[in-house]
PDB file of all heavy atoms in Angstrom:
ATOM      1  N   SER A   1      61.712 -20.403  95.268  1.00  0.00           N
ATOM      2  CA  SER A   1      61.406 -19.300  94.393  1.00  0.00           C
ATOM      3  C   SER A   1      60.818 -19.814  93.046  1.00  0.00           C
ATOM      4  O   SER A   1      60.868 -20.955  92.719  1.00  0.00           O
ATOM      5  CB  SER A   1      62.655 -18.530  94.073  1.00  0.00           C
ATOM      6  OG  SER A   1      63.540 -19.281  93.269  1.00  0.00           O
ATOM      7  N   ASP A   2      60.283 -18.905  92.256  1.00  0.00           N
ATOM      8  CA  ASP A   2      59.950 -19.194  90.879  1.00  0.00           C
ATOM      9  C   ASP A   2      61.269 -19.441  90.070  1.00  0.00           C
ATOM     10  O   ASP A   2      62.305 -18.950  90.470  1.00  0.00           O
ATOM     11  CB  ASP A   2      59.125 -18.085  90.273  1.00  0.00           C
ATOM     12  CG  ASP A   2      57.690 -18.211  90.535  1.00  0.00           C
ATOM     13  OD1 ASP A   2      57.198 -19.264  91.012  1.00  0.00           O
ATOM     14  OD2 ASP A   2      56.892 -17.228  90.325  1.00  0.00           O
ATOM     15  N   PRO A   3      61.166 -20.172  89.002  1.00  0.00           N
ATOM     16  CA  PRO A   3      62.344 -20.542  88.199  1.00  0.00           C
ATOM     17  C   PRO A   3      63.070 -19.245  87.615  1.00  0.00           C
ATOM     18  O   PRO A   3      62.350 -18.365  87.117  1.00  0.00           O
ATOM     19  CB  PRO A   3      61.859 -21.446  87.138  1.00  0.00           C
ATOM     20  CG  PRO A   3      60.574 -22.006  87.658  1.00  0.00           C
ATOM     21  CD  PRO A   3      59.980 -20.875  88.468  1.00  0.00           C
ATOM     22  N   ILE A   4      64.368 -19.296  87.569  1.00  0.00           N
ATOM     23  CA  ILE A   4      65.144 -18.347  86.818  1.00  0.00           C
ATOM     24  C   ILE A   4      65.723 -19.106  85.629  1.00  0.00           C
ATOM     25  O   ILE A   4      66.376 -20.168  85.776  1.00  0.00           O
ATOM     26  CB  ILE A   4      66.307 -17.830  87.682  1.00  0.00           C
ATOM     27  CG1 ILE A   4      65.699 -17.082  88.889  1.00  0.00           C
ATOM     28  CG2 ILE A   4      67.163 -16.888  86.857  1.00  0.00           C
ATOM     29  CD1 ILE A   4      66.751 -16.794  89.988  1.00  0.00           C
ATOM     30  N   LYS A   5      65.357 -18.681  84.471  1.00  0.00           N
ATOM     31  CA  LYS A   5      65.815 -19.413  83.243  1.00  0.00           C
ATOM     32  C   LYS A   5      67.315 -19.125  82.951  1.00  0.00           C
ATOM     33  O   LYS A   5      67.712 -17.926  82.983  1.00  0.00           O
ATOM     34  CB  LYS A   5      64.919 -18.994  82.017  1.00  0.00           C
ATOM     35  CG  LYS A   5      65.135 -19.799  80.768  1.00  0.00           C
ATOM     36  CD  LYS A   5      64.101 -19.446  79.716  1.00  0.00           C
ATOM     37  CE  LYS A   5      64.336 -20.285  78.466  1.00  0.00           C
ATOM     38  NZ  LYS A   5      63.350 -19.977  77.428  1.00  0.00           N
ATOM     39  N   LEU A   6      68.038 -20.136  82.696  1.00  0.00           N
ATOM     40  CA  LEU A   6      69.487 -20.018  82.480  1.00  0.00           C
ATOM     41  C   LEU A   6      69.845 -20.055  80.984  1.00  0.00           C
ATOM     42  O   LEU A   6      69.190 -20.783  80.222  1.00  0.00           O
ATOM     43  CB  LEU A   6      70.262 -21.102  83.238  1.00  0.00           C
ATOM     44  CG  LEU A   6      70.006 -21.082  84.742  1.00  0.00           C
ATOM     45  CD1 LEU A   6      70.602 -22.311  85.423  1.00  0.00           C
ATOM     46  CD2 LEU A   6      70.536 -19.823  85.368  1.00  0.00           C
ATOM     47  N   ASP A   7      70.812 -19.303  80.595  1.00  0.00           N
ATOM     48  CA  ASP A   7      71.082 -19.056  79.207  1.00  0.00           C
ATOM     49  C   ASP A   7      72.147 -20.007  78.692  1.00  0.00           C
ATOM     50  O   ASP A   7      73.241 -19.632  78.314  1.00  0.00           O
ATOM     51  CB  ASP A   7      71.469 -17.616  78.974  1.00  0.00           C
ATOM     52  CG  ASP A   7      71.597 -17.206  77.525  1.00  0.00           C
ATOM     53  OD1 ASP A   7      71.015 -17.934  76.692  1.00  0.00           O
ATOM     54  OD2 ASP A   7      72.217 -16.169  77.206  1.00  0.00           O
ATOM     55  N   PHE A   8      71.841 -21.328  78.614  1.00  0.00           N
ATOM     56  CA  PHE A   8      72.683 -22.269  77.952  1.00  0.00           C
ATOM     57  C   PHE A   8      71.860 -23.489  77.601  1.00  0.00           C
ATOM     58  O   PHE A   8      70.765 -23.748  78.136  1.00  0.00           O
ATOM     59  CB  PHE A   8      73.864 -22.669  78.825  1.00  0.00           C
ATOM     60  CG  PHE A   8      73.500 -23.322  80.183  1.00  0.00           C
ATOM     61  CD1 PHE A   8      73.297 -24.725  80.278  1.00  0.00           C
ATOM     62  CD2 PHE A   8      73.333 -22.555  81.291  1.00  0.00           C
ATOM     63  CE1 PHE A   8      73.019 -25.286  81.470  1.00  0.00           C
ATOM     64  CE2 PHE A   8      73.034 -23.153  82.512  1.00  0.00           C
ATOM     65  CZ  PHE A   8      72.840 -24.535  82.603  1.00  0.00           C
ATOM     66  N   GLN A   9      72.354 -24.262  76.635  1.00  0.00           N
ATOM     67  CA  GLN A   9      71.680 -25.524  76.126  1.00  0.00           C
ATOM     68  C   GLN A   9      72.180 -26.705  76.968  1.00  0.00           C
ATOM     69  O   GLN A   9      73.007 -26.604  77.809  1.00  0.00           O
ATOM     70  CB  GLN A   9      71.905 -25.634  74.646  1.00  0.00           C
ATOM     71  CG  GLN A   9      71.437 -24.497  73.814  1.00  0.00           C
ATOM     72  CD  GLN A   9      69.961 -24.241  73.940  1.00  0.00           C
ATOM     73  OE1 GLN A   9      69.154 -25.189  73.826  1.00  0.00           O
ATOM     74  NE2 GLN A   9      69.508 -23.022  74.187  1.00  0.00           N
ATOM     75  N   GLY A  10      71.761 -27.872  76.516  1.00  0.00           N
ATOM     76  CA  GLY A  10      72.222 -29.102  77.176  1.00  0.00           C
ATOM     77  C   GLY A  10      71.296 -29.533  78.335  1.00  0.00           C
ATOM     78  O   GLY A  10      70.267 -28.961  78.555  1.00  0.00           O
ATOM     79  N   ILE A  11      71.751 -30.551  79.038  1.00  0.00           N
ATOM     80  CA  ILE A  11      70.955 -31.077  80.141  1.00  0.00           C
ATOM     81  C   ILE A  11      71.869 -31.337  81.358  1.00  0.00           C
ATOM     82  O   ILE A  11      73.061 -31.188  81.309  1.00  0.00           O
ATOM     83  CB  ILE A  11      70.263 -32.384  79.756  1.00  0.00           C
ATOM     84  CG1 ILE A  11      71.260 -33.482  79.424  1.00  0.00           C
ATOM     85  CG2 ILE A  11      69.293 -32.180  78.537  1.00  0.00           C
ATOM     86  CD1 ILE A  11      70.668 -34.880  79.207  1.00  0.00           C
ATOM     87  N   ASP A  12      71.224 -31.772  82.433  1.00  0.00           N
ATOM     88  CA  ASP A  12      71.909 -32.236  83.665  1.00  0.00           C
ATOM     89  C   ASP A  12      72.789 -31.194  84.295  1.00  0.00           C
ATOM     90  O   ASP A  12      74.011 -31.442  84.647  1.00  0.00           O
ATOM     91  CB  ASP A  12      72.718 -33.504  83.407  1.00  0.00           C
ATOM     92  CG  ASP A  12      71.869 -34.725  83.099  1.00  0.00           C
ATOM     93  OD1 ASP A  12      70.643 -34.566  82.927  1.00  0.00           O
ATOM     94  OD2 ASP A  12      72.436 -35.831  83.098  1.00  0.00           O
ATOM     95  N   PRO A  13      72.337 -29.905  84.464  1.00  0.00           N
ATOM     96  CA  PRO A  13      73.262 -28.943  85.064  1.00  0.00           C
ATOM     97  C   PRO A  13      73.448 -29.182  86.514  1.00  0.00           C
ATOM     98  O   PRO A  13      72.547 -29.742  87.223  1.00  0.00           O
ATOM     99  CB  PRO A  13      72.483 -27.644  84.848  1.00  0.00           C
ATOM    100  CG  PRO A  13      71.038 -28.052  84.845  1.00  0.00           C
ATOM    101  CD  PRO A  13      71.005 -29.374  84.169  1.00  0.00           C
ATOM    102  N   ALA A  14      74.652 -28.798  87.023  1.00  0.00           N
ATOM    103  CA  ALA A  14      74.957 -28.878  88.460  1.00  0.00           C
ATOM    104  C   ALA A  14      75.729 -27.611  88.813  1.00  0.00           C
ATOM    105  O   ALA A  14      76.369 -27.084  87.975  1.00  0.00           O
ATOM    106  CB  ALA A  14      75.754 -30.149  88.799  1.00  0.00           C
ATOM    107  N   ILE A  15      75.616 -27.166  90.054  1.00  0.00           N
ATOM    108  CA  ILE A  15      76.234 -25.951  90.440  1.00  0.00           C
ATOM    109  C   ILE A  15      77.299 -26.244  91.548  1.00  0.00           C
ATOM    110  O   ILE A  15      77.076 -27.145  92.382  1.00  0.00           O
ATOM    111  CB  ILE A  15      75.175 -24.925  90.907  1.00  0.00           C
ATOM    112  CG1 ILE A  15      75.774 -23.504  90.935  1.00  0.00           C
ATOM    113  CG2 ILE A  15      74.532 -25.309  92.194  1.00  0.00           C
ATOM    114  CD1 ILE A  15      74.684 -22.395  90.960  1.00  0.00           C
ATOM    115  N   PHE A  16      78.340 -25.535  91.477  1.00  0.00           N
ATOM    116  CA  PHE A  16      79.493 -25.698  92.507  1.00  0.00           C
ATOM    117  C   PHE A  16      79.852 -24.281  93.025  1.00  0.00           C
ATOM    118  O   PHE A  16      80.102 -23.387  92.308  1.00  0.00           O
ATOM    119  CB  PHE A  16      80.664 -26.364  91.845  1.00  0.00           C
ATOM    120  CG  PHE A  16      81.898 -26.280  92.672  1.00  0.00           C
ATOM    121  CD1 PHE A  16      82.028 -27.098  93.827  1.00  0.00           C
ATOM    122  CD2 PHE A  16      83.005 -25.528  92.242  1.00  0.00           C
ATOM    123  CE1 PHE A  16      83.165 -27.040  94.546  1.00  0.00           C
ATOM    124  CE2 PHE A  16      84.166 -25.556  93.056  1.00  0.00           C
ATOM    125  CZ  PHE A  16      84.217 -26.242  94.189  1.00  0.00           C
ATOM    126  N   PHE A  17      79.906 -24.277  94.370  1.00  0.00           N
ATOM    127  CA  PHE A  17      80.306 -22.987  95.068  1.00  0.00           C
ATOM    128  C   PHE A  17      81.675 -23.190  95.670  1.00  0.00           C
ATOM    129  O   PHE A  17      81.883 -24.069  96.552  1.00  0.00           O
ATOM    130  CB  PHE A  17      79.309 -22.639  96.101  1.00  0.00           C
ATOM    131  CG  PHE A  17      77.900 -22.407  95.568  1.00  0.00           C
ATOM    132  CD1 PHE A  17      76.923 -23.362  95.711  1.00  0.00           C
ATOM    133  CD2 PHE A  17      77.617 -21.224  94.875  1.00  0.00           C
ATOM    134  CE1 PHE A  17      75.636 -23.155  95.185  1.00  0.00           C
ATOM    135  CE2 PHE A  17      76.330 -21.014  94.368  1.00  0.00           C
ATOM    136  CZ  PHE A  17      75.368 -22.004  94.518  1.00  0.00           C
ATOM    137  N   ASP A  18      82.653 -22.394  95.221  1.00  0.00           N
ATOM    138  CA  ASP A  18      84.007 -22.541  95.746  1.00  0.00           C
ATOM    139  C   ASP A  18      84.159 -21.697  97.015  1.00  0.00           C
ATOM    140  O   ASP A  18      83.409 -20.826  97.317  1.00  0.00           O
ATOM    141  CB  ASP A  18      85.003 -22.055  94.618  1.00  0.00           C
ATOM    142  CG  ASP A  18      86.323 -22.770  94.751  1.00  0.00           C
ATOM    143  OD1 ASP A  18      86.615 -23.353  95.836  1.00  0.00           O
ATOM    144  OD2 ASP A  18      87.144 -22.667  93.821  1.00  0.00           O
ATOM    145  N   ASP A  19      85.306 -21.991  97.708  1.00  0.00           N
ATOM    146  CA  ASP A  19      85.563 -21.345  98.990  1.00  0.00           C
ATOM    147  C   ASP A  19      85.775 -19.845  98.823  1.00  0.00           C
ATOM    148  O   ASP A  19      85.495 -19.040  99.750  1.00  0.00           O
ATOM    149  CB  ASP A  19      86.811 -21.917  99.659  1.00  0.00           C
ATOM    150  CG  ASP A  19      86.730 -23.449  99.823  1.00  0.00           C
ATOM    151  OD1 ASP A  19      85.603 -23.928  99.964  1.00  0.00           O
ATOM    152  OD2 ASP A  19      87.793 -24.090  99.838  1.00  0.00           O
ATOM    153  N   ASP A  20      86.214 -19.390  97.668  1.00  0.00           N
ATOM    154  CA  ASP A  20      86.527 -17.999  97.411  1.00  0.00           C
ATOM    155  C   ASP A  20      85.310 -17.147  97.008  1.00  0.00           C
ATOM    156  O   ASP A  20      85.386 -15.993  96.658  1.00  0.00           O
ATOM    157  CB  ASP A  20      87.627 -17.848  96.388  1.00  0.00           C
ATOM    158  CG  ASP A  20      87.265 -18.436  94.987  1.00  0.00           C
ATOM    159  OD1 ASP A  20      86.072 -18.921  94.838  1.00  0.00           O
ATOM    160  OD2 ASP A  20      88.079 -18.480  94.133  1.00  0.00           O
ATOM    161  N   GLY A  21      84.088 -17.799  97.028  1.00  0.00           N
ATOM    162  CA  GLY A  21      82.891 -17.073  96.696  1.00  0.00           C
ATOM    163  C   GLY A  21      82.488 -17.228  95.252  1.00  0.00           C
ATOM    164  O   GLY A  21      81.371 -16.880  94.867  1.00  0.00           O
ATOM    165  N   LYS A  22      83.370 -17.736  94.421  1.00  0.00           N
ATOM    166  CA  LYS A  22      83.063 -17.974  93.014  1.00  0.00           C
ATOM    167  C   LYS A  22      82.091 -19.187  92.845  1.00  0.00           C
ATOM    168  O   LYS A  22      82.122 -20.074  93.701  1.00  0.00           O
ATOM    169  CB  LYS A  22      84.297 -18.107  92.164  1.00  0.00           C
ATOM    170  CG  LYS A  22      85.129 -16.846  92.014  1.00  0.00           C
ATOM    171  CD  LYS A  22      86.331 -17.064  91.047  1.00  0.00           C
ATOM    172  CE  LYS A  22      87.109 -15.783  90.899  1.00  0.00           C
ATOM    173  NZ  LYS A  22      88.231 -16.016  89.950  1.00  0.00           N
ATOM    174  N   ALA A  23      81.415 -19.177  91.745  1.00  0.00           N
ATOM    175  CA  ALA A  23      80.489 -20.317  91.485  1.00  0.00           C
ATOM    176  C   ALA A  23      80.610 -20.738  89.995  1.00  0.00           C
ATOM    177  O   ALA A  23      81.032 -19.902  89.154  1.00  0.00           O
ATOM    178  CB  ALA A  23      79.071 -19.924  91.751  1.00  0.00           C
ATOM    179  N   TYR A  24      80.263 -21.973  89.791  1.00  0.00           N
ATOM    180  CA  TYR A  24      80.411 -22.562  88.441  1.00  0.00           C
ATOM    181  C   TYR A  24      79.228 -23.480  88.149  1.00  0.00           C
ATOM    182  O   TYR A  24      78.629 -24.097  89.059  1.00  0.00           O
ATOM    183  CB  TYR A  24      81.709 -23.375  88.329  1.00  0.00           C
ATOM    184  CG  TYR A  24      82.934 -22.572  88.663  1.00  0.00           C
ATOM    185  CD1 TYR A  24      83.319 -22.475  90.019  1.00  0.00           C
ATOM    186  CD2 TYR A  24      83.650 -21.919  87.685  1.00  0.00           C
ATOM    187  CE1 TYR A  24      84.474 -21.715  90.363  1.00  0.00           C
ATOM    188  CE2 TYR A  24      84.833 -21.216  88.048  1.00  0.00           C
ATOM    189  CZ  TYR A  24      85.175 -21.107  89.369  1.00  0.00           C
ATOM    190  OH  TYR A  24      86.303 -20.339  89.693  1.00  0.00           O
ATOM    191  N   VAL A  25      78.854 -23.572  86.854  1.00  0.00           N
ATOM    192  CA  VAL A  25      77.809 -24.541  86.420  1.00  0.00           C
ATOM    193  C   VAL A  25      78.471 -25.498  85.436  1.00  0.00           C
ATOM    194  O   VAL A  25      79.171 -25.079  84.512  1.00  0.00           O
ATOM    195  CB  VAL A  25      76.609 -23.792  85.797  1.00  0.00           C
ATOM    196  CG1 VAL A  25      75.723 -24.816  85.043  1.00  0.00           C
ATOM    197  CG2 VAL A  25      75.825 -23.066  86.832  1.00  0.00           C
ATOM    198  N   VAL A  26      78.256 -26.787  85.687  1.00  0.00           N
ATOM    199  CA  VAL A  26      78.719 -27.819  84.709  1.00  0.00           C
ATOM    200  C   VAL A  26      77.473 -28.533  84.189  1.00  0.00           C
ATOM    201  O   VAL A  26      76.425 -28.649  84.905  1.00  0.00           O
ATOM    202  CB  VAL A  26      79.648 -28.843  85.367  1.00  0.00           C
ATOM    203  CG1 VAL A  26      81.039 -28.210  85.570  1.00  0.00           C
ATOM    204  CG2 VAL A  26      79.111 -29.380  86.697  1.00  0.00           C
ATOM    205  N   HIS A  27      77.548 -29.081  82.963  1.00  0.00           N
ATOM    206  CA  HIS A  27      76.414 -29.756  82.393  1.00  0.00           C
ATOM    207  C   HIS A  27      76.815 -30.566  81.161  1.00  0.00           C
ATOM    208  O   HIS A  27      77.893 -30.380  80.618  1.00  0.00           O
ATOM    209  CB  HIS A  27      75.286 -28.723  81.957  1.00  0.00           C
ATOM    210  CG  HIS A  27      75.753 -27.800  80.863  1.00  0.00           C
ATOM    211  ND1 HIS A  27      75.446 -28.004  79.543  1.00  0.00           N
ATOM    212  CD2 HIS A  27      76.409 -26.592  80.924  1.00  0.00           C
ATOM    213  CE1 HIS A  27      75.937 -27.009  78.789  1.00  0.00           C
ATOM    214  NE2 HIS A  27      76.540 -26.136  79.641  1.00  0.00           N
ATOM    215  N   ASN A  28      75.943 -31.450  80.789  1.00  0.00           N
ATOM    216  CA  ASN A  28      76.085 -32.234  79.572  1.00  0.00           C
ATOM    217  C   ASN A  28      75.655 -31.394  78.373  1.00  0.00           C
ATOM    218  O   ASN A  28      74.699 -30.628  78.463  1.00  0.00           O
ATOM    219  CB  ASN A  28      75.203 -33.466  79.728  1.00  0.00           C
ATOM    220  CG  ASN A  28      74.849 -34.203  78.404  1.00  0.00           C
ATOM    221  OD1 ASN A  28      74.293 -33.591  77.521  1.00  0.00           O
ATOM    222  ND2 ASN A  28      75.132 -35.474  78.304  1.00  0.00           N
ATOM    223  N   ASP A  29      76.331 -31.560  77.247  1.00  0.00           N
ATOM    224  CA  ASP A  29      75.995 -30.831  76.053  1.00  0.00           C
ATOM    225  C   ASP A  29      76.403 -31.670  74.814  1.00  0.00           C
ATOM    226  O   ASP A  29      77.168 -32.650  74.955  1.00  0.00           O
ATOM    227  CB  ASP A  29      76.551 -29.418  76.016  1.00  0.00           C
ATOM    228  CG  ASP A  29      75.772 -28.438  75.177  1.00  0.00           C
ATOM    229  OD1 ASP A  29      74.842 -28.925  74.389  1.00  0.00           O
ATOM    230  OD2 ASP A  29      75.997 -27.239  75.314  1.00  0.00           O
ATOM    231  N   ALA A  30      75.958 -31.235  73.656  1.00  0.00           N
ATOM    232  CA  ALA A  30      76.431 -31.801  72.398  1.00  0.00           C
ATOM    233  C   ALA A  30      77.841 -31.256  72.092  1.00  0.00           C
ATOM    234  O   ALA A  30      78.198 -30.195  72.558  1.00  0.00           O
ATOM    235  CB  ALA A  30      75.503 -31.442  71.270  1.00  0.00           C
TER     236      ALA A  30
END
């Protein structure tokens, strides 16, 4: 797809999908 811009600063984001359907983003920041 075309990019979807995400509303946070920092770099190196990663995404995690849990068994219960929830999702999380982790990343480096100041």
